N, C-alpha and C. Protein backbone atom coordinates (compact mmCIF):
# COMPACT_ATOMS: atom_id res chain seq x y z
N UNK A 1 245.51 -144.59 26.45
CA UNK A 1 244.14 -144.93 26.34
C UNK A 1 243.66 -145.00 27.76
N UNK A 2 244.31 -145.64 28.80
CA UNK A 2 243.85 -145.79 30.10
C UNK A 2 243.97 -144.42 30.74
N UNK A 3 244.87 -143.48 30.45
CA UNK A 3 244.96 -142.23 31.07
C UNK A 3 243.83 -141.49 30.71
N UNK A 4 243.48 -141.45 29.37
CA UNK A 4 242.20 -140.70 28.85
C UNK A 4 240.91 -141.21 29.63
N UNK A 5 240.85 -142.50 29.87
CA UNK A 5 239.53 -142.91 30.43
C UNK A 5 239.59 -142.62 31.85
N UNK A 6 240.92 -142.65 32.51
CA UNK A 6 241.01 -142.26 33.94
C UNK A 6 240.51 -140.70 34.08
N UNK A 7 241.15 -139.94 33.13
CA UNK A 7 240.80 -138.46 33.23
C UNK A 7 239.20 -138.22 32.91
N UNK A 8 238.60 -138.96 32.03
CA UNK A 8 237.27 -138.94 31.77
C UNK A 8 236.42 -139.29 33.06
N UNK A 9 236.74 -140.30 33.67
CA UNK A 9 236.18 -140.92 34.80
C UNK A 9 236.28 -139.87 36.01
N UNK A 10 237.45 -139.25 36.10
CA UNK A 10 237.53 -138.26 37.27
C UNK A 10 236.76 -137.02 36.96
N UNK A 11 236.48 -136.58 35.76
CA UNK A 11 235.64 -135.42 35.44
C UNK A 11 234.19 -135.81 35.71
N UNK A 12 233.81 -137.05 35.36
CA UNK A 12 232.41 -137.38 35.53
C UNK A 12 232.14 -137.68 37.06
N UNK A 13 233.19 -138.19 37.68
CA UNK A 13 233.08 -138.48 39.23
C UNK A 13 232.93 -137.05 40.00
N UNK A 14 233.67 -136.14 39.41
CA UNK A 14 233.69 -134.75 40.04
C UNK A 14 232.42 -134.07 39.93
N UNK A 15 231.90 -134.23 38.72
CA UNK A 15 230.50 -133.58 38.44
C UNK A 15 229.40 -134.31 39.27
N UNK A 16 229.44 -135.70 39.32
CA UNK A 16 228.57 -136.40 40.12
C UNK A 16 228.61 -136.15 41.57
N UNK A 17 229.82 -135.96 42.04
CA UNK A 17 230.20 -135.55 43.41
C UNK A 17 229.43 -134.28 43.76
N UNK A 18 229.66 -133.27 42.77
CA UNK A 18 229.08 -131.97 43.13
C UNK A 18 227.63 -132.12 43.22
N UNK A 19 226.88 -132.84 42.37
CA UNK A 19 225.45 -132.82 42.29
C UNK A 19 224.93 -133.54 43.59
N UNK A 20 225.71 -134.57 44.02
CA UNK A 20 225.27 -135.32 45.33
C UNK A 20 225.42 -134.45 46.57
N UNK A 21 226.62 -133.66 46.61
CA UNK A 21 226.82 -132.77 47.69
C UNK A 21 225.77 -131.59 47.68
N UNK A 22 225.36 -131.23 46.62
CA UNK A 22 224.36 -130.03 46.44
C UNK A 22 223.07 -130.64 46.95
N UNK A 23 222.68 -131.77 46.51
CA UNK A 23 221.51 -132.48 46.88
C UNK A 23 221.49 -132.78 48.23
N UNK A 24 222.62 -133.10 48.97
CA UNK A 24 222.66 -133.37 50.35
C UNK A 24 222.58 -132.22 51.11
N UNK A 25 223.19 -131.13 50.75
CA UNK A 25 223.00 -129.82 51.46
C UNK A 25 221.64 -129.10 51.27
N UNK A 26 220.96 -129.57 50.06
CA UNK A 26 219.63 -128.75 50.01
C UNK A 26 218.52 -129.57 50.68
N UNK A 27 218.80 -130.90 51.03
CA UNK A 27 217.84 -131.87 51.53
C UNK A 27 217.47 -131.32 52.95
N UNK A 28 216.14 -131.05 52.78
CA UNK A 28 215.40 -130.47 54.16
C UNK A 28 214.11 -131.34 54.19
N UNK A 29 213.90 -131.92 55.48
CA UNK A 29 212.68 -132.59 55.67
C UNK A 29 211.46 -131.57 56.00
N UNK A 30 210.35 -131.93 55.23
CA UNK A 30 209.10 -131.08 55.39
C UNK A 30 208.42 -131.57 56.68
N UNK A 31 207.89 -130.60 57.43
CA UNK A 31 207.08 -130.86 58.61
C UNK A 31 206.00 -131.87 58.29
N UNK A 32 205.94 -132.82 59.18
CA UNK A 32 204.87 -133.89 58.97
C UNK A 32 205.08 -135.09 58.04
N UNK A 33 206.31 -134.92 57.27
CA UNK A 33 206.61 -136.03 56.45
C UNK A 33 207.34 -137.12 57.09
N UNK A 34 207.60 -138.28 56.41
CA UNK A 34 208.19 -139.42 57.14
C UNK A 34 209.73 -139.21 57.40
N UNK A 35 210.07 -139.39 58.62
CA UNK A 35 211.64 -139.00 59.04
C UNK A 35 212.38 -140.37 58.55
N UNK A 36 211.68 -141.56 58.39
CA UNK A 36 212.42 -142.71 57.84
C UNK A 36 212.86 -142.45 56.32
N UNK A 37 211.97 -141.94 55.58
CA UNK A 37 212.33 -141.82 54.12
C UNK A 37 213.30 -140.67 53.97
N UNK A 38 213.31 -139.72 54.71
CA UNK A 38 214.19 -138.67 54.71
C UNK A 38 215.55 -139.16 55.12
N UNK A 39 215.80 -139.71 56.10
CA UNK A 39 217.09 -140.17 56.69
C UNK A 39 217.72 -141.28 55.75
N UNK A 40 216.74 -142.19 55.34
CA UNK A 40 217.26 -143.24 54.33
C UNK A 40 217.85 -142.48 53.07
N UNK A 41 217.27 -141.38 52.66
CA UNK A 41 217.61 -140.62 51.48
C UNK A 41 218.95 -139.99 51.63
N UNK A 42 219.10 -139.40 52.85
CA UNK A 42 220.37 -138.81 53.17
C UNK A 42 221.55 -139.93 53.29
N UNK A 43 221.28 -140.97 53.90
CA UNK A 43 222.18 -142.04 54.01
C UNK A 43 222.65 -142.54 52.66
N UNK A 44 221.71 -142.53 51.72
CA UNK A 44 222.04 -142.88 50.36
C UNK A 44 222.85 -142.01 49.61
N UNK A 45 222.84 -140.68 49.86
CA UNK A 45 223.58 -139.61 49.37
C UNK A 45 225.04 -139.95 49.95
N UNK A 46 225.18 -140.23 51.35
CA UNK A 46 226.46 -140.43 51.92
C UNK A 46 227.13 -141.72 51.24
N UNK A 47 226.28 -142.80 50.93
CA UNK A 47 226.91 -143.99 50.41
C UNK A 47 227.51 -143.77 49.05
N UNK A 48 226.73 -142.91 48.21
CA UNK A 48 227.11 -142.55 46.93
C UNK A 48 228.44 -141.84 46.86
N UNK A 49 228.58 -141.02 47.90
CA UNK A 49 229.88 -140.21 47.93
C UNK A 49 230.92 -141.11 48.43
N UNK A 50 230.65 -142.10 49.30
CA UNK A 50 231.60 -143.08 49.70
C UNK A 50 232.13 -143.78 48.43
N UNK A 51 231.10 -144.19 47.64
CA UNK A 51 231.54 -145.05 46.41
C UNK A 51 232.36 -144.22 45.42
N UNK A 52 232.33 -142.91 45.48
CA UNK A 52 233.02 -142.02 44.63
C UNK A 52 234.40 -141.68 45.23
N UNK A 53 234.68 -142.43 46.27
CA UNK A 53 235.90 -142.17 47.00
C UNK A 53 236.01 -140.81 47.63
N UNK A 54 234.87 -140.33 48.08
CA UNK A 54 234.69 -139.00 48.79
C UNK A 54 233.84 -139.10 50.03
N UNK A 55 234.31 -139.97 50.98
CA UNK A 55 233.44 -140.24 52.24
C UNK A 55 233.34 -138.98 53.06
N UNK A 56 232.32 -138.68 53.54
CA UNK A 56 232.07 -137.64 54.61
C UNK A 56 232.61 -138.11 55.88
N UNK A 57 233.13 -137.31 56.84
CA UNK A 57 233.39 -137.64 58.20
C UNK A 57 232.17 -137.91 58.96
N UNK A 58 232.04 -138.86 59.75
CA UNK A 58 230.76 -139.24 60.51
C UNK A 58 230.20 -138.10 61.22
N UNK A 59 230.96 -137.20 61.88
CA UNK A 59 230.42 -136.10 62.64
C UNK A 59 229.80 -135.11 61.58
N UNK A 60 230.41 -134.85 60.48
CA UNK A 60 229.89 -133.93 59.46
C UNK A 60 228.48 -134.43 58.90
N UNK A 61 228.48 -135.69 58.65
CA UNK A 61 227.23 -136.38 58.16
C UNK A 61 226.09 -136.16 59.25
N UNK A 62 226.44 -136.35 60.39
CA UNK A 62 225.47 -136.29 61.48
C UNK A 62 225.00 -134.83 61.65
N UNK A 63 225.82 -133.86 61.58
CA UNK A 63 225.49 -132.52 61.68
C UNK A 63 224.52 -132.06 60.38
N UNK A 64 224.89 -132.59 59.24
CA UNK A 64 223.81 -132.37 58.24
C UNK A 64 222.56 -132.89 58.32
N UNK A 65 222.67 -134.21 58.87
CA UNK A 65 221.30 -134.91 58.97
C UNK A 65 220.50 -134.14 60.02
N UNK A 66 221.02 -133.87 61.21
CA UNK A 66 220.34 -133.25 62.33
C UNK A 66 219.83 -131.79 61.88
N UNK A 67 220.73 -131.07 61.07
CA UNK A 67 220.14 -129.72 60.63
C UNK A 67 219.21 -129.78 59.55
N UNK A 68 218.97 -130.85 58.86
CA UNK A 68 217.91 -130.99 57.95
C UNK A 68 216.60 -131.33 58.44
N UNK A 69 216.36 -131.51 59.77
CA UNK A 69 215.28 -132.02 60.36
C UNK A 69 214.29 -130.70 60.56
N UNK A 70 213.11 -130.90 60.60
CA UNK A 70 212.04 -129.65 60.82
C UNK A 70 212.12 -129.24 62.35
N UNK A 71 211.60 -127.93 62.64
CA UNK A 71 211.57 -127.45 63.91
C UNK A 71 210.81 -128.38 65.06
N UNK A 72 209.96 -129.32 64.66
CA UNK A 72 209.30 -130.40 65.56
C UNK A 72 210.48 -131.22 66.24
N UNK A 73 211.49 -131.40 65.55
CA UNK A 73 212.55 -132.21 66.15
C UNK A 73 213.64 -131.54 66.86
N UNK A 74 213.48 -130.29 67.07
CA UNK A 74 214.42 -129.47 67.92
C UNK A 74 214.72 -129.91 69.19
N UNK A 75 213.79 -130.59 69.94
CA UNK A 75 214.08 -131.14 71.18
C UNK A 75 215.02 -132.35 71.11
N UNK A 76 214.77 -133.15 70.08
CA UNK A 76 215.53 -134.38 69.76
C UNK A 76 216.95 -133.99 69.61
N UNK A 77 217.08 -132.85 68.76
CA UNK A 77 218.46 -132.46 68.28
C UNK A 77 219.25 -131.91 69.52
N UNK A 78 218.53 -131.06 70.29
CA UNK A 78 219.14 -130.67 71.46
C UNK A 78 219.67 -131.70 72.36
N UNK A 79 218.70 -132.67 72.69
CA UNK A 79 219.08 -133.73 73.48
C UNK A 79 220.38 -134.67 72.94
N UNK A 80 220.23 -134.69 71.71
CA UNK A 80 221.35 -135.65 70.99
C UNK A 80 222.78 -134.82 71.26
N UNK A 81 222.73 -133.69 71.04
CA UNK A 81 223.94 -132.77 71.15
C UNK A 81 224.45 -132.70 72.58
N UNK A 82 223.52 -132.45 73.48
CA UNK A 82 223.80 -132.36 74.88
C UNK A 82 224.42 -133.62 75.50
N UNK A 83 223.93 -134.74 75.16
CA UNK A 83 224.40 -136.12 75.69
C UNK A 83 225.70 -136.45 74.95
N UNK A 84 226.09 -135.82 74.07
CA UNK A 84 227.38 -136.13 73.38
C UNK A 84 227.49 -137.54 72.84
N UNK A 85 226.26 -138.04 72.25
CA UNK A 85 226.24 -139.24 71.66
C UNK A 85 226.97 -139.31 70.39
N UNK A 86 227.55 -140.52 70.15
CA UNK A 86 228.38 -140.85 68.92
C UNK A 86 227.55 -142.01 68.23
N UNK A 87 226.58 -141.77 67.45
CA UNK A 87 225.86 -142.84 66.90
C UNK A 87 225.98 -142.81 65.33
N UNK A 88 225.76 -143.97 64.78
CA UNK A 88 225.65 -143.98 63.22
C UNK A 88 224.44 -143.39 62.77
N UNK A 89 224.46 -143.07 61.37
CA UNK A 89 223.09 -142.61 60.95
C UNK A 89 221.99 -143.79 60.98
N UNK A 90 222.25 -144.86 60.97
CA UNK A 90 221.38 -145.98 61.09
C UNK A 90 220.73 -146.12 62.47
N UNK A 91 221.54 -145.87 63.48
CA UNK A 91 221.19 -145.85 64.93
C UNK A 91 220.32 -144.58 65.10
N UNK A 92 220.71 -143.49 64.67
CA UNK A 92 219.93 -142.25 64.88
C UNK A 92 218.56 -142.31 64.18
N UNK A 93 218.42 -143.10 62.98
CA UNK A 93 217.22 -143.40 62.39
C UNK A 93 216.22 -144.06 63.27
N UNK A 94 216.77 -145.05 63.92
CA UNK A 94 215.83 -145.76 64.91
C UNK A 94 215.29 -144.79 65.94
N UNK A 95 216.27 -144.03 66.58
CA UNK A 95 215.83 -143.07 67.58
C UNK A 95 214.82 -142.08 67.04
N UNK A 96 215.02 -141.60 65.79
CA UNK A 96 214.12 -140.62 65.25
C UNK A 96 212.69 -141.30 64.86
N UNK A 97 212.72 -142.50 64.64
CA UNK A 97 211.41 -143.16 64.32
C UNK A 97 210.58 -143.20 65.59
N UNK A 98 211.21 -143.51 66.70
CA UNK A 98 210.64 -143.43 68.00
C UNK A 98 210.05 -142.09 68.31
N UNK A 99 210.97 -141.05 68.14
CA UNK A 99 210.54 -139.69 68.35
C UNK A 99 209.30 -139.32 67.45
N UNK A 100 209.37 -139.74 66.22
CA UNK A 100 208.29 -139.42 65.28
C UNK A 100 207.06 -140.05 65.77
N UNK A 101 206.96 -141.16 66.40
CA UNK A 101 205.62 -141.68 66.94
C UNK A 101 205.09 -140.88 67.96
N UNK A 102 206.05 -140.30 68.90
CA UNK A 102 205.64 -139.53 69.94
C UNK A 102 205.02 -138.21 69.42
N UNK A 103 205.73 -137.48 68.46
CA UNK A 103 205.18 -136.34 67.89
C UNK A 103 203.93 -136.57 67.08
N UNK A 104 203.67 -137.76 66.54
CA UNK A 104 202.22 -137.86 65.92
C UNK A 104 201.17 -138.05 66.88
N UNK A 105 201.43 -138.76 67.96
CA UNK A 105 200.41 -138.91 69.02
C UNK A 105 200.11 -137.55 69.52
N UNK A 106 201.23 -136.74 69.81
CA UNK A 106 201.04 -135.32 70.36
C UNK A 106 200.12 -134.46 69.34
N UNK A 107 200.46 -134.61 68.05
CA UNK A 107 199.67 -133.75 67.15
C UNK A 107 198.35 -134.15 67.08
N UNK A 108 198.08 -135.45 67.20
CA UNK A 108 196.59 -135.91 67.05
C UNK A 108 195.87 -135.31 68.31
N UNK A 109 196.45 -135.35 69.45
CA UNK A 109 195.76 -134.91 70.70
C UNK A 109 195.51 -133.27 70.65
N UNK A 110 196.39 -132.67 70.01
CA UNK A 110 196.25 -131.19 69.91
C UNK A 110 195.11 -131.02 68.86
N UNK A 111 195.18 -131.81 67.73
CA UNK A 111 194.04 -131.67 66.80
C UNK A 111 192.74 -131.94 67.40
N UNK A 112 192.55 -133.00 68.20
CA UNK A 112 191.34 -133.18 68.79
C UNK A 112 190.80 -132.16 69.75
N UNK A 113 191.74 -131.42 70.35
CA UNK A 113 191.28 -130.39 71.20
C UNK A 113 190.79 -129.19 70.47
N UNK A 114 191.51 -128.90 69.29
CA UNK A 114 190.98 -127.91 68.48
C UNK A 114 189.70 -128.20 67.73
N UNK A 115 189.45 -129.57 67.50
CA UNK A 115 188.04 -129.73 66.74
C UNK A 115 186.94 -129.68 67.75
N UNK A 116 187.22 -129.95 69.11
CA UNK A 116 185.97 -129.93 70.03
C UNK A 116 185.86 -128.53 70.65
N UNK A 117 186.78 -127.68 70.49
CA UNK A 117 186.74 -126.33 71.25
C UNK A 117 186.10 -125.44 70.22
N UNK A 118 184.76 -125.55 70.00
CA UNK A 118 184.11 -124.61 68.99
C UNK A 118 183.18 -123.83 69.87
N UNK A 119 183.30 -122.48 69.97
CA UNK A 119 182.42 -121.83 70.74
C UNK A 119 181.68 -120.61 70.03
N UNK A 120 181.71 -120.80 68.66
CA UNK A 120 180.97 -119.88 67.74
C UNK A 120 179.44 -120.24 67.75
N UNK A 121 178.58 -119.17 67.75
CA UNK A 121 177.21 -119.35 67.68
C UNK A 121 176.74 -119.69 66.38
N UNK A 122 176.03 -120.71 66.06
CA UNK A 122 175.56 -121.08 64.74
C UNK A 122 174.36 -120.18 64.34
N UNK A 123 174.45 -119.85 63.17
CA UNK A 123 173.39 -118.97 62.57
C UNK A 123 172.31 -119.80 61.93
N UNK A 124 171.10 -119.30 61.89
CA UNK A 124 170.05 -120.07 61.44
C UNK A 124 169.11 -120.82 62.26
N UNK A 125 168.26 -121.61 61.80
CA UNK A 125 167.44 -122.30 62.64
C UNK A 125 168.06 -123.61 63.14
N UNK A 126 167.83 -124.12 64.23
CA UNK A 126 168.43 -125.39 64.57
C UNK A 126 167.90 -126.59 63.80
N UNK A 127 168.52 -127.49 63.60
CA UNK A 127 168.09 -128.80 62.95
C UNK A 127 167.03 -129.52 63.68
N UNK A 128 166.19 -130.24 62.94
CA UNK A 128 165.19 -131.00 63.64
C UNK A 128 165.93 -132.09 64.56
N UNK A 129 165.29 -132.22 65.74
CA UNK A 129 165.86 -133.14 66.62
C UNK A 129 167.08 -132.58 67.58
N UNK A 130 167.53 -131.42 67.22
CA UNK A 130 168.56 -130.88 67.97
C UNK A 130 167.91 -129.87 68.97
N UNK A 131 168.78 -129.61 70.11
CA UNK A 131 168.16 -128.74 71.06
C UNK A 131 168.19 -127.31 70.49
N UNK A 132 167.37 -126.44 71.11
CA UNK A 132 167.34 -125.01 70.56
C UNK A 132 168.38 -124.10 71.28
N UNK A 133 168.92 -124.58 72.21
CA UNK A 133 169.90 -123.76 73.05
C UNK A 133 169.22 -123.03 74.11
N UNK A 134 167.89 -123.10 74.27
CA UNK A 134 167.12 -122.43 75.44
C UNK A 134 167.13 -123.27 76.56
N UNK A 135 167.04 -122.46 77.75
CA UNK A 135 166.91 -123.30 79.03
C UNK A 135 165.49 -123.50 79.34
N UNK A 136 165.17 -124.13 80.28
CA UNK A 136 163.84 -124.53 80.59
C UNK A 136 163.03 -123.25 81.10
N UNK A 137 163.65 -122.24 81.48
CA UNK A 137 162.89 -121.14 81.92
C UNK A 137 162.51 -120.14 80.71
N UNK A 138 163.20 -120.45 79.62
CA UNK A 138 162.85 -119.56 78.45
C UNK A 138 161.71 -120.25 77.63
N UNK A 139 161.01 -119.40 76.93
CA UNK A 139 159.96 -119.94 76.15
C UNK A 139 160.36 -120.63 74.89
N UNK A 140 159.71 -121.73 74.58
CA UNK A 140 160.04 -122.31 73.31
C UNK A 140 159.11 -121.95 72.19
N UNK A 141 158.14 -121.20 72.47
CA UNK A 141 157.14 -120.65 71.38
C UNK A 141 157.62 -119.41 70.73
N UNK A 142 157.20 -119.10 69.55
CA UNK A 142 157.71 -117.89 68.96
C UNK A 142 156.85 -116.66 69.31
N UNK A 143 155.93 -116.92 70.29
CA UNK A 143 154.99 -115.85 70.79
C UNK A 143 155.76 -114.66 71.64
N UNK A 144 156.86 -114.92 72.17
CA UNK A 144 157.52 -113.83 72.59
C UNK A 144 157.84 -114.02 74.21
N UNK A 145 157.80 -112.88 74.96
CA UNK A 145 158.17 -113.03 76.35
C UNK A 145 156.98 -113.72 77.11
N UNK A 146 157.29 -114.24 78.22
CA UNK A 146 156.18 -114.71 79.18
C UNK A 146 155.56 -113.69 79.89
N UNK A 147 154.45 -113.86 80.58
CA UNK A 147 153.70 -112.79 81.21
C UNK A 147 154.56 -112.18 82.28
N UNK A 148 155.54 -112.88 82.93
CA UNK A 148 156.23 -112.22 84.04
C UNK A 148 157.42 -111.50 83.63
N UNK A 149 157.78 -111.56 82.31
CA UNK A 149 158.84 -110.75 81.74
C UNK A 149 158.67 -109.21 81.77
N UNK A 150 159.71 -108.53 82.37
CA UNK A 150 159.55 -107.13 82.53
C UNK A 150 160.24 -106.38 81.27
N UNK A 151 159.59 -105.37 80.89
CA UNK A 151 160.12 -104.49 79.76
C UNK A 151 161.21 -103.66 80.48
N UNK A 152 162.33 -103.33 79.84
CA UNK A 152 163.41 -102.54 80.45
C UNK A 152 163.07 -101.07 80.20
N UNK A 153 162.23 -100.78 79.22
CA UNK A 153 161.92 -99.47 78.71
C UNK A 153 160.71 -98.84 79.62
N UNK A 154 159.64 -99.46 79.57
CA UNK A 154 158.39 -98.99 80.31
C UNK A 154 158.13 -99.57 81.69
N UNK A 155 158.85 -100.64 81.92
CA UNK A 155 158.71 -101.46 83.20
C UNK A 155 157.44 -102.27 83.25
N UNK A 156 156.82 -102.19 82.13
CA UNK A 156 155.50 -103.13 82.01
C UNK A 156 155.88 -104.60 81.86
N UNK A 157 154.90 -105.57 81.91
CA UNK A 157 155.29 -106.81 81.81
C UNK A 157 154.66 -107.52 80.68
N UNK A 158 155.13 -108.66 80.24
CA UNK A 158 154.59 -109.48 79.15
C UNK A 158 155.08 -109.12 77.86
N UNK A 159 156.22 -108.18 77.79
CA UNK A 159 156.79 -107.85 76.36
C UNK A 159 158.29 -107.46 76.78
N UNK A 160 159.08 -107.44 75.64
CA UNK A 160 160.36 -106.85 75.73
C UNK A 160 160.48 -105.56 75.11
N UNK A 161 161.63 -104.94 75.29
CA UNK A 161 161.68 -103.45 74.94
C UNK A 161 161.58 -103.46 73.49
N UNK A 162 162.21 -104.38 72.65
CA UNK A 162 161.99 -104.27 71.27
C UNK A 162 160.59 -104.38 70.76
N UNK A 163 159.63 -104.90 71.52
CA UNK A 163 158.28 -104.96 71.24
C UNK A 163 157.42 -104.04 71.97
N UNK A 164 157.93 -103.08 72.68
CA UNK A 164 157.23 -102.20 73.65
C UNK A 164 156.55 -101.05 72.71
N UNK A 165 155.34 -100.88 72.91
CA UNK A 165 154.65 -99.83 71.96
C UNK A 165 155.18 -98.49 72.40
N UNK A 166 155.32 -98.13 73.58
CA UNK A 166 155.82 -96.94 74.13
C UNK A 166 157.18 -96.54 73.44
N UNK A 167 158.10 -97.59 73.46
CA UNK A 167 159.45 -97.48 73.05
C UNK A 167 159.48 -97.22 71.54
N UNK A 168 158.68 -97.97 70.79
CA UNK A 168 158.56 -97.84 69.25
C UNK A 168 158.02 -96.36 68.89
N UNK A 169 157.03 -95.97 69.65
CA UNK A 169 156.55 -94.65 69.36
C UNK A 169 157.68 -93.54 69.58
N UNK A 170 158.33 -93.65 70.85
CA UNK A 170 159.35 -92.78 71.08
C UNK A 170 160.50 -92.68 70.16
N UNK A 171 160.69 -93.86 69.63
CA UNK A 171 161.87 -94.09 68.67
C UNK A 171 161.57 -93.39 67.49
N UNK A 172 160.27 -93.51 66.95
CA UNK A 172 159.88 -92.76 65.73
C UNK A 172 159.75 -91.26 65.94
N UNK A 173 159.56 -90.73 67.03
CA UNK A 173 159.54 -89.29 67.23
C UNK A 173 160.96 -88.82 67.62
N UNK A 174 161.79 -89.69 67.95
CA UNK A 174 163.24 -89.19 68.34
C UNK A 174 163.26 -88.92 69.72
N UNK A 175 162.51 -89.28 70.57
CA UNK A 175 162.59 -89.08 72.00
C UNK A 175 163.65 -90.05 72.75
N UNK A 176 163.92 -91.10 72.14
CA UNK A 176 165.01 -91.93 72.70
C UNK A 176 166.29 -91.63 72.17
N UNK A 177 167.19 -91.13 73.09
CA UNK A 177 168.57 -90.66 72.86
C UNK A 177 169.49 -91.49 73.52
N UNK A 178 170.70 -91.67 72.95
CA UNK A 178 171.81 -92.43 73.30
C UNK A 178 172.29 -91.75 74.63
N UNK A 179 172.38 -90.45 74.87
CA UNK A 179 172.96 -89.87 75.99
C UNK A 179 171.97 -89.89 77.15
N UNK A 180 170.76 -90.27 77.08
CA UNK A 180 169.68 -90.23 78.13
C UNK A 180 169.48 -91.60 78.54
N UNK A 181 168.96 -91.65 79.82
CA UNK A 181 168.38 -93.06 80.27
C UNK A 181 167.01 -93.26 79.79
N UNK A 182 166.81 -94.15 79.08
CA UNK A 182 165.49 -94.51 78.43
C UNK A 182 164.47 -94.88 79.43
N UNK A 183 164.77 -95.47 80.33
CA UNK A 183 163.84 -95.78 81.47
C UNK A 183 163.33 -94.61 82.32
N UNK A 184 164.40 -93.64 82.47
CA UNK A 184 163.99 -92.45 83.16
C UNK A 184 163.11 -91.60 82.31
N UNK A 185 163.50 -91.51 80.98
CA UNK A 185 162.71 -90.66 80.07
C UNK A 185 161.30 -91.25 79.98
N UNK A 186 161.11 -92.53 79.99
CA UNK A 186 159.88 -93.12 79.87
C UNK A 186 158.95 -92.85 81.07
N UNK A 187 159.64 -92.90 82.33
CA UNK A 187 158.83 -92.54 83.52
C UNK A 187 158.40 -91.14 83.73
N UNK A 188 159.20 -90.15 83.09
CA UNK A 188 158.81 -88.80 83.17
C UNK A 188 157.67 -88.59 82.45
N UNK A 189 157.34 -89.24 81.33
CA UNK A 189 156.29 -88.93 80.36
C UNK A 189 154.95 -89.56 80.86
């Protein structure tokens, strides 16, 4: 009877050990998630394996833990490996939490820069109370160009090319071509 129970326990333990090892190897931390929750979960898997009389060597556990971290922790992993530290997973957890705080600060600064650096022109009319974007030398009225404004087409004053009667007439008759200088063409006529 005891042998049968022992054999049954060993089969159940083998199956559970397989499931835990699979979960431990598949455990990857998502970028931006809590490093504390992730490491505690991995430590829990290690403790369950120890309870099943299948403890992982400390170096192997640390390699699995460090390799499960997202790319934002690559600097931490490199420093840990280069300094030859021999820490317990609990000690590494404390170090990772400190690193996580620094990463979050850095992420917020980058986000703030991205939010303030908008150079796109807004379409539509400006809202009431907002500036129009025109400088003091530009006209605020819808009337058009000031009297001293010179037309690029006919060299007259008080209007722009888009409102120039000569330009509009020449455009209708096809006298304005892309290959010719419009101003030179207007002065010849």
